[in-house]
Amino acid sequence: MAKSITLTRSYPHPPEKVWKTISNSEALASWLMPNNFKLEVGHRFYFQKK
């Protein structure tokens, strides 16, 4: 049996600002943790512990 976790969040910011943050590696790192994110189809990214 597959298990999954679903989270829903609402942010008090316009969608464009949220998208800018989650689609940029440096901005995402400042919000969550270091990563190798690239806005590229097929790129597999991961988060790194600080």
N, C-alpha and C. Protein backbone atom coordinates (compact mmCIF):
# COMPACT_ATOMS: atom_id res chain seq x y z
N MET A 1 0.84 -1.17 0.00
CA MET A 1 0.00 0.00 0.00
C MET A 1 0.89 1.25 0.00
N ALA A 2 0.65 2.13 -0.96
CA ALA A 2 1.40 3.38 -1.05
C ALA A 2 0.93 4.36 0.01
N LYS A 3 1.86 5.05 0.62
CA LYS A 3 1.52 6.07 1.61
C LYS A 3 1.89 7.43 1.03
N SER A 4 1.11 8.42 1.36
CA SER A 4 1.43 9.76 0.89
C SER A 4 1.06 10.78 1.96
N ILE A 5 1.68 11.92 1.86
CA ILE A 5 1.40 13.04 2.76
C ILE A 5 1.00 14.21 1.89
N THR A 6 -0.09 14.83 2.21
CA THR A 6 -0.55 16.00 1.48
C THR A 6 -0.62 17.19 2.43
N LEU A 7 0.03 18.27 2.06
CA LEU A 7 0.01 19.49 2.86
C LEU A 7 -0.57 20.62 2.03
N THR A 8 -1.39 21.42 2.62
CA THR A 8 -1.94 22.58 1.95
C THR A 8 -1.55 23.81 2.77
N ARG A 9 -1.01 24.80 2.12
CA ARG A 9 -0.59 26.02 2.80
C ARG A 9 -1.16 27.22 2.06
N SER A 10 -1.49 28.25 2.80
CA SER A 10 -1.90 29.54 2.22
C SER A 10 -0.91 30.58 2.71
N TYR A 11 -0.41 31.39 1.78
CA TYR A 11 0.54 32.42 2.12
C TYR A 11 -0.06 33.79 1.84
N PRO A 12 0.20 34.76 2.71
CA PRO A 12 -0.37 36.09 2.52
C PRO A 12 0.40 36.93 1.49
N HIS A 13 0.75 36.30 0.37
CA HIS A 13 1.52 36.97 -0.67
C HIS A 13 0.89 36.65 -2.03
N PRO A 14 1.09 37.50 -3.00
CA PRO A 14 0.56 37.21 -4.34
C PRO A 14 1.26 35.98 -4.93
N PRO A 15 0.55 35.22 -5.75
CA PRO A 15 1.14 34.01 -6.34
C PRO A 15 2.48 34.26 -7.04
N GLU A 16 2.64 35.42 -7.67
CA GLU A 16 3.89 35.72 -8.37
C GLU A 16 5.07 35.75 -7.42
N LYS A 17 4.89 36.29 -6.23
CA LYS A 17 5.98 36.36 -5.25
C LYS A 17 6.32 34.97 -4.72
N VAL A 18 5.30 34.15 -4.47
CA VAL A 18 5.54 32.78 -4.00
C VAL A 18 6.26 31.99 -5.10
N TRP A 19 5.81 32.12 -6.35
CA TRP A 19 6.46 31.40 -7.46
C TRP A 19 7.91 31.83 -7.60
N LYS A 20 8.19 33.13 -7.48
CA LYS A 20 9.56 33.63 -7.60
C LYS A 20 10.46 33.00 -6.54
N THR A 21 9.92 32.79 -5.34
CA THR A 21 10.68 32.20 -4.25
C THR A 21 10.90 30.70 -4.44
N ILE A 22 9.86 29.97 -4.85
CA ILE A 22 10.02 28.52 -4.96
C ILE A 22 10.67 28.08 -6.26
N SER A 23 10.85 29.01 -7.21
CA SER A 23 11.48 28.62 -8.47
C SER A 23 12.90 29.16 -8.61
N ASN A 24 13.47 29.64 -7.51
CA ASN A 24 14.83 30.17 -7.51
C ASN A 24 15.62 29.48 -6.40
N SER A 25 16.72 28.85 -6.76
CA SER A 25 17.49 28.05 -5.80
C SER A 25 17.93 28.85 -4.58
N GLU A 26 18.45 30.05 -4.78
CA GLU A 26 18.94 30.85 -3.65
C GLU A 26 17.79 31.31 -2.75
N ALA A 27 16.69 31.74 -3.36
CA ALA A 27 15.53 32.17 -2.56
C ALA A 27 14.94 30.99 -1.80
N LEU A 28 14.88 29.84 -2.45
CA LEU A 28 14.36 28.64 -1.81
C LEU A 28 15.25 28.23 -0.64
N ALA A 29 16.56 28.36 -0.81
CA ALA A 29 17.50 28.03 0.26
C ALA A 29 17.32 28.95 1.46
N SER A 30 17.06 30.23 1.21
CA SER A 30 16.88 31.16 2.33
C SER A 30 15.59 30.87 3.08
N TRP A 31 14.63 30.28 2.41
CA TRP A 31 13.33 29.98 3.01
C TRP A 31 13.34 28.60 3.68
N LEU A 32 13.95 27.61 3.04
CA LEU A 32 13.93 26.24 3.57
C LEU A 32 15.32 25.75 3.93
N MET A 33 16.08 25.34 2.92
CA MET A 33 17.43 24.81 3.15
C MET A 33 18.19 24.78 1.83
N PRO A 34 19.52 24.64 1.89
CA PRO A 34 20.32 24.59 0.66
C PRO A 34 19.81 23.50 -0.29
N ASN A 35 19.96 23.74 -1.58
CA ASN A 35 19.44 22.81 -2.58
C ASN A 35 20.18 23.01 -3.89
N ASN A 36 19.92 22.17 -4.85
CA ASN A 36 20.51 22.30 -6.19
C ASN A 36 19.42 22.52 -7.23
N PHE A 37 18.35 23.19 -6.87
CA PHE A 37 17.20 23.38 -7.74
C PHE A 37 17.55 24.15 -9.01
N LYS A 38 17.01 23.68 -10.13
CA LYS A 38 17.09 24.37 -11.42
C LYS A 38 15.71 24.28 -12.03
N LEU A 39 15.23 25.37 -12.57
CA LEU A 39 13.93 25.39 -13.22
C LEU A 39 14.10 24.82 -14.63
N GLU A 40 14.19 23.48 -14.68
CA GLU A 40 14.53 22.76 -15.90
C GLU A 40 13.77 21.44 -15.91
N VAL A 41 13.07 21.16 -16.99
CA VAL A 41 12.33 19.90 -17.10
C VAL A 41 13.30 18.74 -17.00
N GLY A 42 12.99 17.78 -16.13
CA GLY A 42 13.81 16.59 -15.97
C GLY A 42 14.94 16.70 -14.96
N HIS A 43 15.22 17.91 -14.48
CA HIS A 43 16.29 18.06 -13.48
C HIS A 43 15.82 17.49 -12.15
N ARG A 44 16.62 16.63 -11.56
CA ARG A 44 16.28 16.06 -10.25
C ARG A 44 17.03 16.85 -9.20
N PHE A 45 16.27 17.48 -8.32
CA PHE A 45 16.92 18.30 -7.32
C PHE A 45 16.75 17.68 -5.93
N TYR A 46 17.55 18.15 -5.01
CA TYR A 46 17.48 17.65 -3.65
C TYR A 46 17.80 18.79 -2.69
N PHE A 47 17.32 18.63 -1.46
CA PHE A 47 17.64 19.56 -0.40
C PHE A 47 18.82 18.99 0.38
N GLN A 48 19.67 19.87 0.90
CA GLN A 48 20.84 19.46 1.67
C GLN A 48 20.68 19.96 3.10
N LYS A 49 21.19 19.17 4.04
CA LYS A 49 21.21 19.65 5.43
C LYS A 49 22.21 20.77 5.53
N LYS A 50 21.91 21.72 6.38
CA LYS A 50 22.83 22.86 6.59
C LYS A 50 24.05 22.42 7.33
